[in-house]
Amino acid sequence: MELHFETIMRAAEQQLANEARELVATDHKTAATLVDIAVDKLAASYSTAEKLTLLAGVREIDELEVEIAARASVRKMSDLVTGMFKSCVEQRLAMVRSAIDVAIFCEGVLPAADAFIEVAERATFSDFWLPERKVVRMREVYHRLAAGEGGKEELDTLLTGAAIFNKILGAESVRQIHHEHGLDAVEVGRVSKDLKFYRDLLGPGWPLLPTALDQLNDARRRDAGLAPAQQPGPGPR
């Protein structure tokens, strides 16, 4: 069987789409690892010679980046080739990864935010440890986003709010958290971790935020039986 990089990538993309279709609705944590699992499986499926053949068919390979410094101490050619191969596969599947991450985000961010805010609303507020105004603002933007009417500022506020428990978790003991704020430390840690999981799907600096916002608004409006939000048309020519 002839080996062609684009052929195995198209097959990998189709398989990922099929797997993601089910897992995005049922198991977000596993869905978020699908691309990494696929990369490892592909790397384990071919010999060093086969990987070199596949690499020869990578389009615009000169423009791709691979982390060489981390492999400076590698002495086996097979390890170096595997690292190069996995880098090419990861970059080829970058758009698939982004699509899966956005889909997971849209499915899970609002339920996670609602649970997070509910815990915060039960707390004893203080200007330093847990400002009430931030919790109130999170609930306001949550409602707008849940109605499919949120903008970038609202989503940014919701995601930034994932850090409002940081001071409490970082500076107080479990007993203090319960006594001074009326909160269960385990529950606080859980809802914080859950919301941050969805936030982090947008990537460092949140490059996927605009796409995620559009898809989130469209999905919420569709669920409510409303037409998708109108996108701004092109300006005058």
Protein backbone atom coordinates (compact mmCIF):
# COMPACT_ATOMS: atom_id res chain seq x y z
CA MET A 1 0.00 0.00 0.00
CA GLU A 2 1.35 3.39 -0.98
CA LEU A 3 1.82 5.91 1.80
CA HIS A 4 0.55 9.46 1.30
CA PHE A 5 0.45 12.00 4.13
CA GLU A 6 -2.70 13.74 2.89
CA THR A 7 -4.52 10.43 2.52
CA ILE A 8 -3.90 9.36 6.11
CA MET A 9 -4.75 12.87 7.31
CA ARG A 10 -8.11 12.84 5.55
CA ALA A 11 -8.87 9.48 7.12
CA ALA A 12 -7.81 10.77 10.53
CA GLU A 13 -10.00 13.86 10.16
CA GLN A 14 -13.03 11.73 9.28
CA GLN A 15 -12.45 9.42 12.22
CA LEU A 16 -12.04 12.35 14.58
CA ALA A 17 -15.26 13.91 13.30
CA ASN A 18 -17.13 10.67 13.94
CA GLU A 19 -15.71 10.24 17.43
CA ALA A 20 -16.22 13.88 18.37
CA ARG A 21 -19.84 13.85 17.24
CA GLU A 22 -20.73 11.53 20.11
CA LEU A 23 -18.23 12.55 22.77
CA VAL A 24 -18.84 16.30 22.54
CA ALA A 25 -22.34 15.60 23.83
CA THR A 26 -21.41 13.01 26.44
CA ASP A 27 -17.81 13.23 27.67
CA HIS A 28 -16.11 16.62 27.34
CA LYS A 29 -12.85 15.67 29.04
CA THR A 30 -12.30 12.72 26.72
CA ALA A 31 -13.39 14.69 23.65
CA ALA A 32 -10.72 17.29 24.42
CA THR A 33 -8.02 14.59 24.17
CA LEU A 34 -9.16 13.07 20.87
CA VAL A 35 -6.57 14.82 18.71
CA ASP A 36 -3.70 13.98 21.07
CA ILE A 37 -4.79 10.34 21.08
CA ALA A 38 -5.00 10.33 17.28
CA VAL A 39 -1.51 11.80 16.96
CA ASP A 40 -0.04 9.15 19.25
CA LYS A 41 -1.88 6.34 17.44
CA LEU A 42 -0.66 7.49 14.04
CA ALA A 43 2.90 7.80 15.30
CA ALA A 44 2.75 4.24 16.64
CA SER A 45 1.28 2.86 13.40
CA TYR A 46 4.28 3.39 11.14
CA SER A 47 7.93 2.41 11.13
CA THR A 48 10.68 5.02 10.96
CA ALA A 49 11.11 4.36 7.23
CA GLU A 50 7.36 4.73 6.65
CA LYS A 51 7.28 7.99 8.62
CA LEU A 52 10.08 9.36 6.46
CA THR A 53 8.11 8.43 3.35
CA LEU A 54 5.05 10.18 4.77
CA LEU A 55 7.05 13.26 5.74
CA ALA A 56 8.26 13.55 2.16
CA GLY A 57 4.64 14.18 1.16
CA VAL A 58 3.91 16.93 3.67
CA ARG A 59 2.86 20.08 1.84
CA GLU A 60 4.92 23.19 2.60
CA ILE A 61 6.94 21.28 5.16
CA ASP A 62 9.60 23.99 5.10
CA GLU A 63 7.09 26.36 6.71
CA LEU A 64 6.18 24.04 9.59
CA GLU A 65 7.73 24.34 13.01
CA VAL A 66 9.10 21.58 15.23
CA GLU A 67 10.55 21.84 18.72
CA ILE A 68 14.16 20.73 18.22
CA ALA A 69 15.66 22.15 21.42
CA ALA A 70 13.67 19.74 23.55
CA ARG A 71 15.12 16.89 21.49
CA ALA A 72 18.72 18.06 21.46
CA SER A 73 19.82 15.15 23.64
CA VAL A 74 18.02 12.54 21.49
CA ARG A 75 20.43 10.09 19.94
CA LYS A 76 18.08 7.69 18.14
CA MET A 77 17.03 8.66 14.64
CA SER A 78 13.69 6.93 15.22
CA ASP A 79 12.88 9.27 18.11
CA LEU A 80 13.76 12.36 16.10
CA VAL A 81 11.72 11.21 13.10
CA THR A 82 8.77 10.41 15.36
CA GLY A 83 8.98 13.90 16.87
CA MET A 84 8.99 15.49 13.41
CA PHE A 85 6.13 13.29 12.25
CA LYS A 86 3.97 14.07 15.28
CA SER A 87 4.62 17.80 14.87
CA CYS A 88 3.45 17.65 11.25
CA VAL A 89 0.35 15.67 12.20
CA GLU A 90 -0.49 18.03 15.06
CA GLN A 91 -0.21 21.08 12.83
CA ARG A 92 -2.25 19.39 10.08
CA LEU A 93 -4.99 18.62 12.60
CA ALA A 94 -4.91 22.06 14.23
CA MET A 95 -8.19 23.15 12.63
CA VAL A 96 -9.89 19.93 13.70
CA ARG A 97 -8.64 20.44 17.24
CA SER A 98 -9.99 24.00 17.26
CA ALA A 99 -13.38 22.88 15.94
CA ILE A 100 -13.66 20.19 18.62
CA ASP A 101 -12.57 22.58 21.37
CA VAL A 102 -15.13 25.19 20.31
CA ALA A 103 -17.88 22.58 20.16
CA ILE A 104 -17.04 21.33 23.66
CA PHE A 105 -16.91 24.91 24.93
CA CYS A 106 -20.35 25.72 23.55
CA GLU A 107 -21.83 22.56 25.06
CA GLY A 108 -20.39 22.97 28.52
CA VAL A 109 -19.37 26.50 29.43
CA LEU A 110 -22.79 27.81 30.48
CA PRO A 111 -23.74 24.87 32.74
CA ALA A 112 -20.28 25.11 34.33
CA ALA A 113 -20.64 28.87 34.77
CA ASP A 114 -24.11 28.50 36.29
CA ALA A 115 -22.83 25.99 38.87
CA PHE A 116 -19.84 28.24 39.61
CA ILE A 117 -22.02 31.32 40.12
CA GLU A 118 -24.50 29.43 42.30
CA VAL A 119 -21.68 28.55 44.70
CA ALA A 120 -20.40 32.13 44.69
CA GLU A 121 -23.89 33.50 45.37
CA ARG A 122 -24.10 31.45 48.57
CA ALA A 123 -20.87 32.90 49.94
CA THR A 124 -20.30 35.58 52.53
CA PHE A 125 -18.94 38.45 50.45
CA SER A 126 -16.04 40.74 51.22
CA ASP A 127 -14.35 43.39 49.10
CA PHE A 128 -11.00 41.64 49.31
CA TRP A 129 -11.78 37.93 49.30
CA LEU A 130 -14.94 37.77 47.20
CA PRO A 131 -16.45 41.07 45.95
CA GLU A 132 -20.22 40.87 45.62
CA ARG A 133 -20.24 43.17 42.58
CA LYS A 134 -18.18 40.65 40.59
CA VAL A 135 -20.54 37.81 41.39
CA VAL A 136 -23.58 39.94 40.50
CA ARG A 137 -21.93 40.95 37.23
CA MET A 138 -21.15 37.33 36.39
CA ARG A 139 -24.80 36.42 36.83
CA GLU A 140 -25.89 39.33 34.64
CA VAL A 141 -23.61 38.37 31.76
CA TYR A 142 -24.53 34.71 32.21
CA HIS A 143 -28.18 35.56 31.56
CA ARG A 144 -27.30 37.52 28.42
CA LEU A 145 -25.14 34.70 27.09
CA ALA A 146 -27.79 32.10 27.96
CA ALA A 147 -30.29 34.12 25.93
CA GLY A 148 -27.95 34.21 22.93
CA GLU A 149 -27.46 37.96 23.29
CA GLY A 150 -23.97 38.14 24.74
CA GLY A 151 -21.07 40.01 23.23
CA LYS A 152 -17.32 39.73 23.56
CA GLU A 153 -17.33 41.83 26.73
CA GLU A 154 -19.89 39.56 28.40
CA LEU A 155 -18.05 36.36 27.53
CA ASP A 156 -14.74 37.90 28.58
CA THR A 157 -16.30 38.90 31.93
CA LEU A 158 -17.68 35.41 32.49
CA LEU A 159 -14.39 33.69 31.74
CA THR A 160 -12.30 36.15 33.72
CA GLY A 161 -14.66 35.55 36.63
CA ALA A 162 -13.35 32.00 36.85
CA ALA A 163 -10.55 33.46 38.98
CA ILE A 164 -12.70 35.07 41.68
CA PHE A 165 -12.13 32.18 44.10
CA ASN A 166 -8.35 32.23 43.62
CA LYS A 167 -7.61 34.36 46.68
CA ILE A 168 -9.78 32.22 48.92
CA LEU A 169 -8.35 28.94 47.66
CA GLY A 170 -4.78 30.19 47.71
CA ALA A 171 -4.63 31.87 51.09
CA GLU A 172 -7.07 30.19 53.46
CA SER A 173 -7.38 26.79 55.04
CA VAL A 174 -10.34 24.51 54.42
CA ARG A 175 -11.73 25.38 57.87
CA GLN A 176 -11.36 29.12 57.25
CA ILE A 177 -13.11 28.86 53.90
CA HIS A 178 -16.11 27.23 55.55
CA HIS A 179 -16.16 29.42 58.66
CA GLU A 180 -15.50 32.83 57.08
CA HIS A 181 -17.26 32.43 53.73
CA GLY A 182 -19.84 29.70 54.29
CA LEU A 183 -18.34 27.66 51.48
CA ASP A 184 -17.27 24.06 51.06
CA ALA A 185 -13.65 24.03 49.91
CA VAL A 186 -14.07 20.87 47.84
CA GLU A 187 -17.09 22.30 46.03
CA VAL A 188 -15.31 25.60 45.40
CA GLY A 189 -12.33 23.76 43.95
CA ARG A 190 -14.53 21.60 41.75
CA VAL A 191 -16.61 24.38 40.19
CA SER A 192 -13.49 26.51 39.69
CA LYS A 193 -11.68 23.66 37.94
CA ASP A 194 -14.69 22.91 35.75
CA LEU A 195 -15.14 26.49 34.54
CA LYS A 196 -11.41 26.90 33.93
CA PHE A 197 -11.44 23.72 31.84
CA TYR A 198 -13.87 25.32 29.38
CA ARG A 199 -12.06 28.66 29.49
CA ASP A 200 -8.74 27.00 28.65
CA LEU A 201 -10.23 25.32 25.58
CA LEU A 202 -10.05 28.72 23.89
CA GLY A 203 -6.24 28.56 23.99
CA PRO A 204 -3.61 30.94 25.39
CA GLY A 205 -4.88 34.47 24.87
CA TRP A 206 -8.28 33.01 23.87
CA PRO A 207 -7.83 33.14 20.08
CA LEU A 208 -10.95 30.98 19.65
CA LEU A 209 -13.17 33.36 21.63
CA PRO A 210 -14.78 35.14 18.61
CA THR A 211 -15.68 31.85 16.92
CA ALA A 212 -16.89 30.34 20.19
CA LEU A 213 -19.04 33.39 20.92
CA ASP A 214 -20.74 33.28 17.52
CA GLN A 215 -21.45 29.56 17.80
CA LEU A 216 -22.62 29.87 21.40
CA ASN A 217 -25.05 32.68 20.57
CA ASP A 218 -26.37 30.85 17.52
CA ALA A 219 -26.90 27.64 19.50
CA ARG A 220 -28.72 29.40 22.34
CA ARG A 221 -30.95 31.31 19.94
CA ARG A 222 -31.67 28.15 17.98
CA ASP A 223 -32.63 26.33 21.19
CA ALA A 224 -35.02 29.19 21.94
CA GLY A 225 -36.56 29.01 18.47
CA LEU A 226 -35.04 32.33 17.40
CA ALA A 227 -33.19 33.23 14.22
CA PRO A 228 -29.40 33.42 14.39
CA ALA A 229 -27.97 36.84 15.23
CA GLN A 230 -27.35 39.00 12.19
CA GLN A 231 -23.67 39.28 11.31
CA PRO A 232 -22.39 42.69 10.21
CA GLY A 233 -22.20 42.89 6.46
CA PRO A 234 -19.25 44.13 4.44
CA GLY A 235 -18.57 47.84 4.55
CA PRO A 236 -18.95 50.15 1.60
CA ARG A 237 -16.60 49.52 -1.27
